[in-house]
Amino acid sequence: MKIYNYNKDTKEYISTTQASENPLEKGKYLIPANATSIAIGNDKIGFAQVFDEANNVWDYVEDNRGKTVYDTTTKQESKVDYLGAVKSGFTELVPNVDDKWTGTTWALDIVLAQSAKQSQIKSALQSYLKSYTLEDGTVIENSIQDQANNLKNLTLSQLAMQSPKWVASTKYSLNSV
């Protein structure tokens, strides 16, 4: 007689084995704990078969184990390690850096995107505008206004000595700064 073994905790189907005949009662079989003589159903992709002991039936339970999901609040990535539907507050949809959860999908968060872009521009400007000294001793300082004032006082030939590629590629006159 075939018996169908299931996990003690999750009740998920594990294997099919042969039951041993009861040596004291001919024609009767010994069914160990966490096993049943009730046959499992056909496999279904994306589902595990779980034995419902109260009703003596096999149920199909959604199986997302191993799938990557994202927390809809923090965007934290994690792997599903449980039987059943993906828990509330998680989604399989992959967020972008500037996205926020709308309740059904990720959408661009304009405020977050603008803030990130402003930080990126500020950081780039700060890196570019660090003070440095030209060969003739002229110091160009940190602020855009200082840059503009210093550039107005430099001659085109002084700039060309420092950065010929910049002077050649610029479309703006120094008087318009």
Protein backbone atom coordinates (compact mmCIF):
# COMPACT_ATOMS: atom_id res chain seq x y z
CA MET A 1 0.00 0.00 0.00
CA LYS A 2 1.33 3.43 -0.93
CA ILE A 3 1.56 6.16 1.69
CA TYR A 4 2.26 9.85 1.14
CA ASN A 5 4.67 11.45 3.59
CA TYR A 6 4.57 15.12 4.50
CA ASN A 7 6.68 17.58 6.50
CA LYS A 8 5.85 17.66 10.20
CA ASP A 9 5.80 21.50 10.34
CA THR A 10 4.67 22.72 6.91
CA LYS A 11 2.58 19.62 6.03
CA GLU A 12 4.12 19.81 2.55
CA TYR A 13 4.30 16.56 0.53
CA ILE A 14 7.77 14.97 0.74
CA SER A 15 7.63 11.49 -0.77
CA THR A 16 5.68 8.37 -1.54
CA THR A 17 6.67 5.10 0.16
CA GLN A 18 5.22 1.67 0.84
CA ALA A 19 3.46 1.09 4.14
CA SER A 20 4.37 -1.97 6.18
CA GLU A 21 1.70 -4.54 6.82
CA ASN A 22 0.60 -4.80 10.45
CA PRO A 23 2.02 -8.12 11.73
CA LEU A 24 -0.82 -8.44 14.24
CA GLU A 25 -3.67 -7.73 11.81
CA LYS A 26 -3.44 -9.22 8.34
CA GLY A 27 -4.65 -6.89 5.58
CA LYS A 28 -4.09 -3.78 7.70
CA TYR A 29 -1.16 -1.43 7.24
CA LEU A 30 0.91 0.71 9.58
CA ILE A 31 0.79 4.39 8.68
CA PRO A 32 3.41 6.43 10.53
CA ALA A 33 2.96 9.97 11.80
CA ASN A 34 3.06 12.65 9.11
CA ALA A 35 1.84 10.27 6.43
CA THR A 36 -1.49 9.41 4.84
CA SER A 37 -2.92 6.86 2.46
CA ILE A 38 -4.79 9.63 0.65
CA ALA A 39 -3.15 10.12 -2.76
CA ILE A 40 -1.74 13.48 -3.78
CA GLY A 41 -3.05 15.34 -6.80
CA ASN A 42 -1.19 16.19 -10.00
CA ASP A 43 1.68 18.65 -9.76
CA LYS A 44 0.84 22.28 -10.48
CA ILE A 45 3.58 24.72 -11.42
CA GLY A 46 4.00 27.37 -8.72
CA PHE A 47 2.22 25.35 -6.04
CA ALA A 48 3.13 22.87 -3.33
CA GLN A 49 0.77 20.19 -2.05
CA VAL A 50 0.04 20.50 1.65
CA PHE A 51 -1.93 17.99 3.68
CA ASP A 52 -4.89 19.41 5.62
CA GLU A 53 -5.07 17.04 8.60
CA ALA A 54 -8.38 18.43 9.84
CA ASN A 55 -10.18 17.69 6.56
CA ASN A 56 -8.00 14.81 5.32
CA VAL A 57 -7.32 16.42 1.94
CA TRP A 58 -4.35 17.68 -0.02
CA ASP A 59 -4.49 21.42 -0.78
CA TYR A 60 -2.52 23.39 -3.34
CA VAL A 61 -0.60 26.22 -1.66
CA GLU A 62 1.20 28.94 -3.60
CA ASP A 63 4.95 28.31 -3.55
CA ASN A 64 7.17 31.36 -4.08
CA ARG A 65 10.20 30.04 -2.20
CA GLY A 66 13.49 31.25 -3.66
CA LYS A 67 11.91 34.19 -5.46
CA THR A 68 13.33 37.67 -4.95
CA VAL A 69 10.91 40.19 -3.44
CA TYR A 70 11.23 43.85 -2.44
CA ASP A 71 9.91 45.63 0.64
CA THR A 72 7.47 48.27 -0.65
CA THR A 73 8.57 50.72 2.06
CA THR A 74 12.35 50.33 2.12
CA LYS A 75 12.99 48.66 -1.29
CA GLN A 76 15.10 46.09 0.64
CA GLU A 77 15.62 42.92 -1.41
CA SER A 78 15.00 39.52 0.19
CA LYS A 79 14.27 35.90 -0.76
CA VAL A 80 10.98 34.15 0.01
CA ASP A 81 11.56 31.24 2.41
CA TYR A 82 7.97 30.27 3.24
CA LEU A 83 4.96 28.60 1.62
CA GLY A 84 2.02 30.75 0.62
CA ALA A 85 1.46 34.02 -1.19
CA VAL A 86 4.06 36.77 -1.04
CA LYS A 87 3.48 38.62 2.23
CA SER A 88 1.74 41.99 2.30
CA GLY A 89 4.23 44.84 2.01
CA PHE A 90 6.40 42.95 -0.50
CA THR A 91 6.40 42.68 -4.28
CA GLU A 92 8.28 40.81 -6.97
CA LEU A 93 8.43 44.02 -9.03
CA VAL A 94 11.94 45.50 -9.08
CA PRO A 95 12.14 49.15 -7.96
CA ASN A 96 14.40 51.80 -9.47
CA VAL A 97 16.43 54.08 -7.21
CA ASP A 98 13.98 57.00 -7.51
CA ASP A 99 10.76 54.96 -7.30
CA LYS A 100 8.03 54.88 -4.67
CA TRP A 101 5.32 52.25 -4.20
CA THR A 102 1.85 53.32 -5.35
CA GLY A 103 0.01 50.34 -3.89
CA THR A 104 0.14 48.29 -7.09
CA THR A 105 3.39 49.27 -8.83
CA TRP A 106 6.58 51.32 -8.55
CA ALA A 107 6.43 54.84 -9.99
CA LEU A 108 9.00 57.60 -10.34
CA ASP A 109 9.07 59.82 -7.25
CA ILE A 110 9.69 63.24 -8.82
CA VAL A 111 10.70 64.87 -5.52
CA LEU A 112 13.18 62.10 -4.74
CA ALA A 113 14.57 62.16 -8.30
CA GLN A 114 15.00 65.96 -8.23
CA SER A 115 16.65 65.84 -4.83
CA ALA A 116 19.06 63.12 -5.97
CA LYS A 117 19.90 65.05 -9.15
CA GLN A 118 20.46 68.27 -7.18
CA SER A 119 22.79 66.42 -4.80
CA GLN A 120 24.65 64.93 -7.73
CA ILE A 121 25.07 68.35 -9.37
CA LYS A 122 26.12 69.97 -6.09
CA SER A 123 28.70 67.26 -5.49
CA ALA A 124 30.07 67.58 -9.03
CA LEU A 125 30.27 71.37 -8.70
CA GLN A 126 32.01 71.15 -5.33
CA SER A 127 34.54 68.77 -6.80
CA TYR A 128 35.08 70.97 -9.85
CA LEU A 129 35.19 74.25 -7.94
CA LYS A 130 37.83 73.33 -5.40
CA SER A 131 40.39 76.12 -5.29
CA TYR A 132 43.54 75.79 -7.32
CA THR A 133 46.36 78.11 -8.33
CA LEU A 134 47.24 79.00 -11.90
CA GLU A 135 50.88 79.16 -13.01
CA ASP A 136 50.94 82.95 -12.65
CA GLY A 137 49.82 82.71 -9.00
CA THR A 138 46.15 83.56 -9.57
CA VAL A 139 43.95 81.61 -7.11
CA ILE A 140 40.55 80.44 -8.28
CA GLU A 141 38.30 79.88 -5.23
CA ASN A 142 35.34 77.74 -4.29
CA SER A 143 32.15 79.56 -5.27
CA ILE A 144 30.62 80.03 -8.69
CA GLN A 145 30.62 83.79 -8.14
CA ASP A 146 34.33 83.69 -7.23
CA GLN A 147 34.92 81.62 -10.37
CA ALA A 148 33.07 84.15 -12.50
CA ASN A 149 34.91 87.12 -10.97
CA ASN A 150 38.30 85.45 -11.31
CA LEU A 151 37.62 84.40 -14.88
CA LYS A 152 36.64 87.96 -15.83
CA ASN A 153 40.06 89.14 -14.63
CA LEU A 154 42.01 86.51 -16.53
CA THR A 155 43.15 87.06 -20.07
CA LEU A 156 42.32 84.53 -22.71
CA SER A 157 46.03 83.72 -23.08
CA GLN A 158 46.31 82.94 -19.33
CA LEU A 159 43.40 80.53 -19.61
CA ALA A 160 44.83 78.97 -22.75
CA MET A 161 48.10 78.22 -20.94
CA GLN A 162 46.17 76.44 -18.16
CA SER A 163 43.55 74.62 -20.18
CA PRO A 164 43.83 74.97 -23.96
CA LYS A 165 41.12 72.33 -24.57
CA TRP A 166 38.64 74.24 -22.40
CA VAL A 167 39.26 77.54 -24.16
CA ALA A 168 39.04 75.92 -27.59
CA SER A 169 35.76 74.15 -26.73
CA THR A 170 33.96 77.01 -24.98
CA LYS A 171 31.22 78.87 -26.86
CA TYR A 172 30.93 81.67 -24.33
CA SER A 173 32.92 84.88 -24.03
CA LEU A 174 34.43 85.81 -20.71
CA ASN A 175 32.49 89.09 -20.73
CA SER A 176 29.18 87.23 -20.57
CA VAL A 177 30.06 85.47 -17.30
